[in-house]
Amino acid sequence: MSQNFDAQRRETFETFAELKKRGTALPRTSVVEFYLLAEDEDARWGACEKALAALGYRTERDEESHTLIVATRGELLITPESIWAAEKKVIEIALKFDFHPDGWEFGFD
């Protein structure tokens, strides 16, 4: 599967524009969870998790779907620029290990 980084970036920025349009109040910082789907049974789970951990992400496997890694990073500045910068790094790593992005969300604590 080919990754379209321009489209992914646009989607992240559109999400923030929609939140602003709705008047949604966002915190200055938050935990952010990035979702990664295994492309097939050959996805290299351990190697992907190790590479993400090297960047400071905590990972968790979704036990229900058996196809998803949730990569969580401590407090990030909640701006489209900072979320996109982190998202892009996560995607670049995930693609190397046969995972692709499946979105992100705030992990408000």
N, C-alpha and C. Protein backbone atom coordinates (compact mmCIF):
# COMPACT_ATOMS: atom_id res chain seq x y z
N MET A 1 0.84 -1.17 0.00
CA MET A 1 0.00 0.00 0.00
C MET A 1 0.90 1.24 0.00
N SER A 2 0.59 2.16 -0.88
CA SER A 2 1.35 3.40 -0.98
C SER A 2 0.79 4.42 0.02
N GLN A 3 1.67 5.13 0.69
CA GLN A 3 1.26 6.11 1.68
C GLN A 3 1.29 7.51 1.06
N ASN A 4 0.18 8.23 1.15
CA ASN A 4 0.09 9.59 0.65
C ASN A 4 0.24 10.54 1.85
N PHE A 5 1.46 11.00 2.07
CA PHE A 5 1.72 11.87 3.22
C PHE A 5 1.01 13.21 3.09
N ASP A 6 0.88 13.74 1.88
CA ASP A 6 0.19 15.02 1.70
C ASP A 6 -1.28 14.91 2.12
N ALA A 7 -1.93 13.83 1.71
CA ALA A 7 -3.32 13.62 2.08
C ALA A 7 -3.46 13.42 3.59
N GLN A 8 -2.53 12.69 4.18
CA GLN A 8 -2.57 12.43 5.62
C GLN A 8 -2.41 13.75 6.40
N ARG A 9 -1.47 14.58 5.94
CA ARG A 9 -1.26 15.88 6.59
C ARG A 9 -2.51 16.74 6.47
N ARG A 10 -3.07 16.78 5.28
CA ARG A 10 -4.27 17.57 5.04
C ARG A 10 -5.40 17.13 5.97
N GLU A 11 -5.55 15.82 6.14
CA GLU A 11 -6.60 15.29 7.01
C GLU A 11 -6.40 15.74 8.46
N THR A 12 -5.16 15.72 8.93
CA THR A 12 -4.88 16.17 10.29
C THR A 12 -5.23 17.65 10.45
N PHE A 13 -4.81 18.47 9.51
CA PHE A 13 -5.11 19.90 9.60
C PHE A 13 -6.60 20.17 9.47
N GLU A 14 -7.31 19.40 8.64
CA GLU A 14 -8.76 19.55 8.51
C GLU A 14 -9.47 19.17 9.80
N THR A 15 -8.94 18.18 10.51
CA THR A 15 -9.52 17.80 11.80
C THR A 15 -9.47 18.97 12.76
N PHE A 16 -8.34 19.65 12.83
CA PHE A 16 -8.23 20.82 13.71
C PHE A 16 -9.14 21.95 13.25
N ALA A 17 -9.25 22.16 11.96
CA ALA A 17 -10.14 23.21 11.44
C ALA A 17 -11.59 22.91 11.83
N GLU A 18 -11.99 21.65 11.74
CA GLU A 18 -13.36 21.26 12.11
C GLU A 18 -13.59 21.45 13.61
N LEU A 19 -12.61 21.08 14.42
CA LEU A 19 -12.75 21.28 15.87
C LEU A 19 -12.90 22.76 16.20
N LYS A 20 -12.12 23.59 15.53
CA LYS A 20 -12.20 25.04 15.75
C LYS A 20 -13.56 25.56 15.31
N LYS A 21 -14.03 25.12 14.17
CA LYS A 21 -15.33 25.54 13.64
C LYS A 21 -16.45 25.21 14.61
N ARG A 22 -16.35 24.03 15.25
CA ARG A 22 -17.36 23.61 16.23
C ARG A 22 -17.22 24.33 17.57
N GLY A 23 -16.11 25.03 17.75
CA GLY A 23 -15.88 25.71 19.02
C GLY A 23 -15.38 24.78 20.11
N THR A 24 -14.80 23.66 19.72
CA THR A 24 -14.29 22.68 20.68
C THR A 24 -13.07 23.24 21.40
N ALA A 25 -13.14 23.26 22.71
CA ALA A 25 -12.00 23.71 23.51
C ALA A 25 -11.00 22.56 23.63
N LEU A 26 -9.77 22.85 23.30
CA LEU A 26 -8.72 21.84 23.40
C LEU A 26 -7.70 22.26 24.45
N PRO A 27 -7.13 21.28 25.14
CA PRO A 27 -6.08 21.62 26.10
C PRO A 27 -4.82 22.06 25.36
N ARG A 28 -3.94 22.70 26.07
CA ARG A 28 -2.67 23.11 25.47
C ARG A 28 -1.82 21.90 25.11
N THR A 29 -1.83 20.89 26.00
CA THR A 29 -1.10 19.65 25.77
C THR A 29 -1.99 18.46 26.10
N SER A 30 -1.64 17.31 25.55
CA SER A 30 -2.38 16.09 25.85
C SER A 30 -1.54 14.89 25.42
N VAL A 31 -1.90 13.76 25.96
CA VAL A 31 -1.40 12.49 25.48
C VAL A 31 -2.08 12.26 24.13
N VAL A 32 -1.36 11.71 23.16
CA VAL A 32 -1.94 11.42 21.85
C VAL A 32 -1.69 9.95 21.54
N GLU A 33 -2.73 9.28 21.06
CA GLU A 33 -2.64 7.88 20.68
C GLU A 33 -2.68 7.78 19.16
N PHE A 34 -1.72 7.07 18.58
CA PHE A 34 -1.67 6.83 17.14
C PHE A 34 -1.99 5.36 16.91
N TYR A 35 -2.87 5.10 15.95
CA TYR A 35 -3.33 3.74 15.66
C TYR A 35 -2.68 3.23 14.38
N LEU A 36 -2.14 2.02 14.46
CA LEU A 36 -1.43 1.41 13.34
C LEU A 36 -2.00 0.03 13.07
N LEU A 37 -2.40 -0.21 11.83
CA LEU A 37 -2.96 -1.50 11.44
C LEU A 37 -1.91 -2.35 10.74
N ALA A 38 -1.87 -3.62 11.10
CA ALA A 38 -0.99 -4.57 10.41
C ALA A 38 -1.54 -4.78 9.00
N GLU A 39 -0.66 -4.71 8.01
CA GLU A 39 -1.10 -4.91 6.63
C GLU A 39 -1.48 -6.37 6.37
N ASP A 40 -0.78 -7.29 6.99
CA ASP A 40 -1.07 -8.71 6.83
C ASP A 40 -0.42 -9.47 7.97
N GLU A 41 -0.49 -10.78 7.91
CA GLU A 41 0.05 -11.59 9.02
C GLU A 41 1.57 -11.54 9.09
N ASP A 42 2.22 -10.99 8.07
CA ASP A 42 3.68 -10.90 8.07
C ASP A 42 4.21 -9.62 8.73
N ALA A 43 3.31 -8.78 9.22
CA ALA A 43 3.75 -7.54 9.88
C ALA A 43 4.71 -7.89 11.02
N ARG A 44 5.73 -7.08 11.16
CA ARG A 44 6.77 -7.34 12.17
C ARG A 44 6.46 -6.54 13.44
N TRP A 45 5.63 -7.13 14.27
CA TRP A 45 5.13 -6.48 15.47
C TRP A 45 6.25 -6.03 16.40
N GLY A 46 7.07 -6.95 16.82
CA GLY A 46 8.11 -6.65 17.80
C GLY A 46 9.08 -5.59 17.32
N ALA A 47 9.49 -5.68 16.08
CA ALA A 47 10.43 -4.71 15.53
C ALA A 47 9.80 -3.32 15.46
N CYS A 48 8.53 -3.26 15.09
CA CYS A 48 7.83 -1.97 15.04
C CYS A 48 7.72 -1.37 16.44
N GLU A 49 7.33 -2.19 17.40
CA GLU A 49 7.20 -1.70 18.77
C GLU A 49 8.54 -1.23 19.32
N LYS A 50 9.59 -1.94 19.01
CA LYS A 50 10.93 -1.56 19.48
C LYS A 50 11.35 -0.22 18.87
N ALA A 51 11.11 -0.04 17.58
CA ALA A 51 11.47 1.21 16.91
C ALA A 51 10.67 2.39 17.47
N LEU A 52 9.40 2.17 17.74
CA LEU A 52 8.58 3.23 18.32
C LEU A 52 9.03 3.56 19.74
N ALA A 53 9.38 2.54 20.50
CA ALA A 53 9.87 2.75 21.87
C ALA A 53 11.14 3.58 21.87
N ALA A 54 11.98 3.40 20.86
CA ALA A 54 13.22 4.17 20.76
C ALA A 54 12.94 5.67 20.58
N LEU A 55 11.75 6.00 20.07
CA LEU A 55 11.35 7.40 19.93
C LEU A 55 10.53 7.90 21.12
N GLY A 56 10.38 7.06 22.13
CA GLY A 56 9.66 7.48 23.33
C GLY A 56 8.19 7.13 23.36
N TYR A 57 7.76 6.24 22.47
CA TYR A 57 6.36 5.83 22.44
C TYR A 57 6.17 4.56 23.26
N ARG A 58 5.06 4.50 23.95
CA ARG A 58 4.63 3.29 24.64
C ARG A 58 3.67 2.59 23.68
N THR A 59 3.78 1.31 23.51
CA THR A 59 2.90 0.61 22.58
C THR A 59 2.06 -0.42 23.30
N GLU A 60 0.92 -0.68 22.71
CA GLU A 60 0.00 -1.66 23.25
C GLU A 60 -0.68 -2.34 22.06
N ARG A 61 -0.84 -3.63 22.14
CA ARG A 61 -1.54 -4.36 21.09
C ARG A 61 -3.01 -4.44 21.45
N ASP A 62 -3.86 -4.16 20.48
CA ASP A 62 -5.31 -4.27 20.69
C ASP A 62 -5.66 -5.75 20.69
N GLU A 63 -6.06 -6.24 21.83
CA GLU A 63 -6.33 -7.68 21.99
C GLU A 63 -7.59 -8.13 21.25
N GLU A 64 -8.53 -7.21 20.99
CA GLU A 64 -9.76 -7.59 20.31
C GLU A 64 -9.56 -7.80 18.81
N SER A 65 -8.86 -6.89 18.17
CA SER A 65 -8.74 -6.97 16.72
C SER A 65 -7.56 -7.82 16.25
N HIS A 66 -6.53 -7.93 17.07
CA HIS A 66 -5.31 -8.67 16.72
C HIS A 66 -4.61 -8.10 15.48
N THR A 67 -4.95 -6.88 15.10
CA THR A 67 -4.32 -6.26 13.94
C THR A 67 -3.83 -4.85 14.23
N LEU A 68 -3.92 -4.40 15.47
CA LEU A 68 -3.72 -2.99 15.77
C LEU A 68 -2.67 -2.79 16.86
N ILE A 69 -1.78 -1.82 16.61
CA ILE A 69 -0.88 -1.31 17.64
C ILE A 69 -1.34 0.11 17.98
N VAL A 70 -1.42 0.39 19.26
CA VAL A 70 -1.69 1.75 19.72
C VAL A 70 -0.37 2.30 20.27
N ALA A 71 0.13 3.35 19.63
CA ALA A 71 1.38 3.98 20.06
C ALA A 71 1.03 5.27 20.77
N THR A 72 1.43 5.37 22.02
CA THR A 72 1.05 6.52 22.85
C THR A 72 2.29 7.31 23.24
N ARG A 73 2.16 8.58 23.13
CA ARG A 73 3.26 9.48 23.48
C ARG A 73 2.77 10.39 24.59
N GLY A 74 3.65 10.69 25.53
CA GLY A 74 3.31 11.61 26.60
C GLY A 74 2.84 12.94 26.05
N GLU A 75 2.70 13.87 26.88
CA GLU A 75 2.15 15.16 26.52
C GLU A 75 2.77 15.77 25.27
N LEU A 76 1.92 16.04 24.28
CA LEU A 76 2.32 16.75 23.07
C LEU A 76 1.57 18.08 23.03
N LEU A 77 2.17 19.08 22.46
CA LEU A 77 1.51 20.35 22.23
C LEU A 77 0.37 20.09 21.25
N ILE A 78 -0.83 20.57 21.57
CA ILE A 78 -2.00 20.29 20.73
C ILE A 78 -2.17 21.40 19.70
N THR A 79 -1.43 21.23 18.61
CA THR A 79 -1.54 22.08 17.43
C THR A 79 -1.49 21.15 16.23
N PRO A 80 -2.04 21.57 15.10
CA PRO A 80 -1.94 20.68 13.94
C PRO A 80 -0.50 20.42 13.53
N GLU A 81 0.36 21.40 13.68
CA GLU A 81 1.77 21.23 13.31
C GLU A 81 2.47 20.19 14.18
N SER A 82 2.25 20.26 15.49
CA SER A 82 2.95 19.31 16.37
C SER A 82 2.38 17.90 16.25
N ILE A 83 1.07 17.79 16.09
CA ILE A 83 0.48 16.47 15.91
C ILE A 83 0.97 15.87 14.60
N TRP A 84 0.98 16.68 13.52
CA TRP A 84 1.44 16.15 12.24
C TRP A 84 2.91 15.72 12.30
N ALA A 85 3.74 16.49 12.96
CA ALA A 85 5.16 16.13 13.05
C ALA A 85 5.32 14.76 13.72
N ALA A 86 4.60 14.54 14.81
CA ALA A 86 4.67 13.25 15.50
C ALA A 86 4.04 12.15 14.66
N GLU A 87 2.90 12.45 14.07
CA GLU A 87 2.20 11.46 13.24
C GLU A 87 3.08 10.99 12.07
N LYS A 88 3.75 11.92 11.42
CA LYS A 88 4.60 11.58 10.28
C LYS A 88 5.73 10.64 10.70
N LYS A 89 6.35 10.92 11.84
CA LYS A 89 7.43 10.04 12.32
C LYS A 89 6.91 8.63 12.61
N VAL A 90 5.74 8.56 13.25
CA VAL A 90 5.14 7.27 13.56
C VAL A 90 4.83 6.50 12.28
N ILE A 91 4.27 7.18 11.30
CA ILE A 91 3.93 6.53 10.03
C ILE A 91 5.19 6.02 9.33
N GLU A 92 6.22 6.84 9.29
CA GLU A 92 7.46 6.44 8.63
C GLU A 92 8.03 5.16 9.24
N ILE A 93 7.96 5.06 10.55
CA ILE A 93 8.43 3.84 11.22
C ILE A 93 7.50 2.68 10.91
N ALA A 94 6.20 2.90 11.06
CA ALA A 94 5.22 1.82 10.87
C ALA A 94 5.32 1.19 9.49
N LEU A 95 5.50 2.01 8.48
CA LEU A 95 5.56 1.50 7.11
C LEU A 95 6.71 0.52 6.91
N LYS A 96 7.80 0.73 7.61
CA LYS A 96 8.97 -0.15 7.49
C LYS A 96 8.68 -1.57 7.98
N PHE A 97 7.66 -1.70 8.82
CA PHE A 97 7.37 -2.98 9.46
C PHE A 97 6.00 -3.54 9.07
N ASP A 98 5.49 -3.06 7.93
CA ASP A 98 4.23 -3.56 7.36
C ASP A 98 2.99 -3.17 8.16
N PHE A 99 3.01 -1.96 8.70
CA PHE A 99 1.83 -1.38 9.34
C PHE A 99 1.48 -0.10 8.59
N HIS A 100 0.23 0.30 8.65
CA HIS A 100 -0.16 1.58 8.07
C HIS A 100 -1.03 2.34 9.06
N PRO A 101 -1.10 3.67 8.91
CA PRO A 101 -1.82 4.49 9.88
C PRO A 101 -3.32 4.26 9.82
N ASP A 102 -3.94 4.35 10.99
CA ASP A 102 -5.39 4.21 11.10
C ASP A 102 -5.96 5.30 12.00
N GLY A 103 -5.30 6.45 12.00
CA GLY A 103 -5.82 7.59 12.74
C GLY A 103 -5.12 7.83 14.07
N TRP A 104 -5.61 8.84 14.75
CA TRP A 104 -5.09 9.23 16.05
C TRP A 104 -6.21 9.86 16.83
N GLU A 105 -6.02 9.98 18.14
CA GLU A 105 -6.96 10.71 18.97
C GLU A 105 -6.27 11.18 20.22
N PHE A 106 -6.87 12.15 20.85
CA PHE A 106 -6.34 12.66 22.10
C PHE A 106 -6.63 11.65 23.20
N GLY A 107 -5.67 11.44 24.05
CA GLY A 107 -5.86 10.56 25.19
C GLY A 107 -5.96 11.38 26.45
N PHE A 108 -6.97 12.25 26.50
CA PHE A 108 -7.12 13.15 27.65
C PHE A 108 -7.08 12.36 28.95
N ASP A 109 -6.25 12.82 29.84
CA ASP A 109 -6.17 12.16 31.17
C ASP A 109 -6.92 12.96 32.20
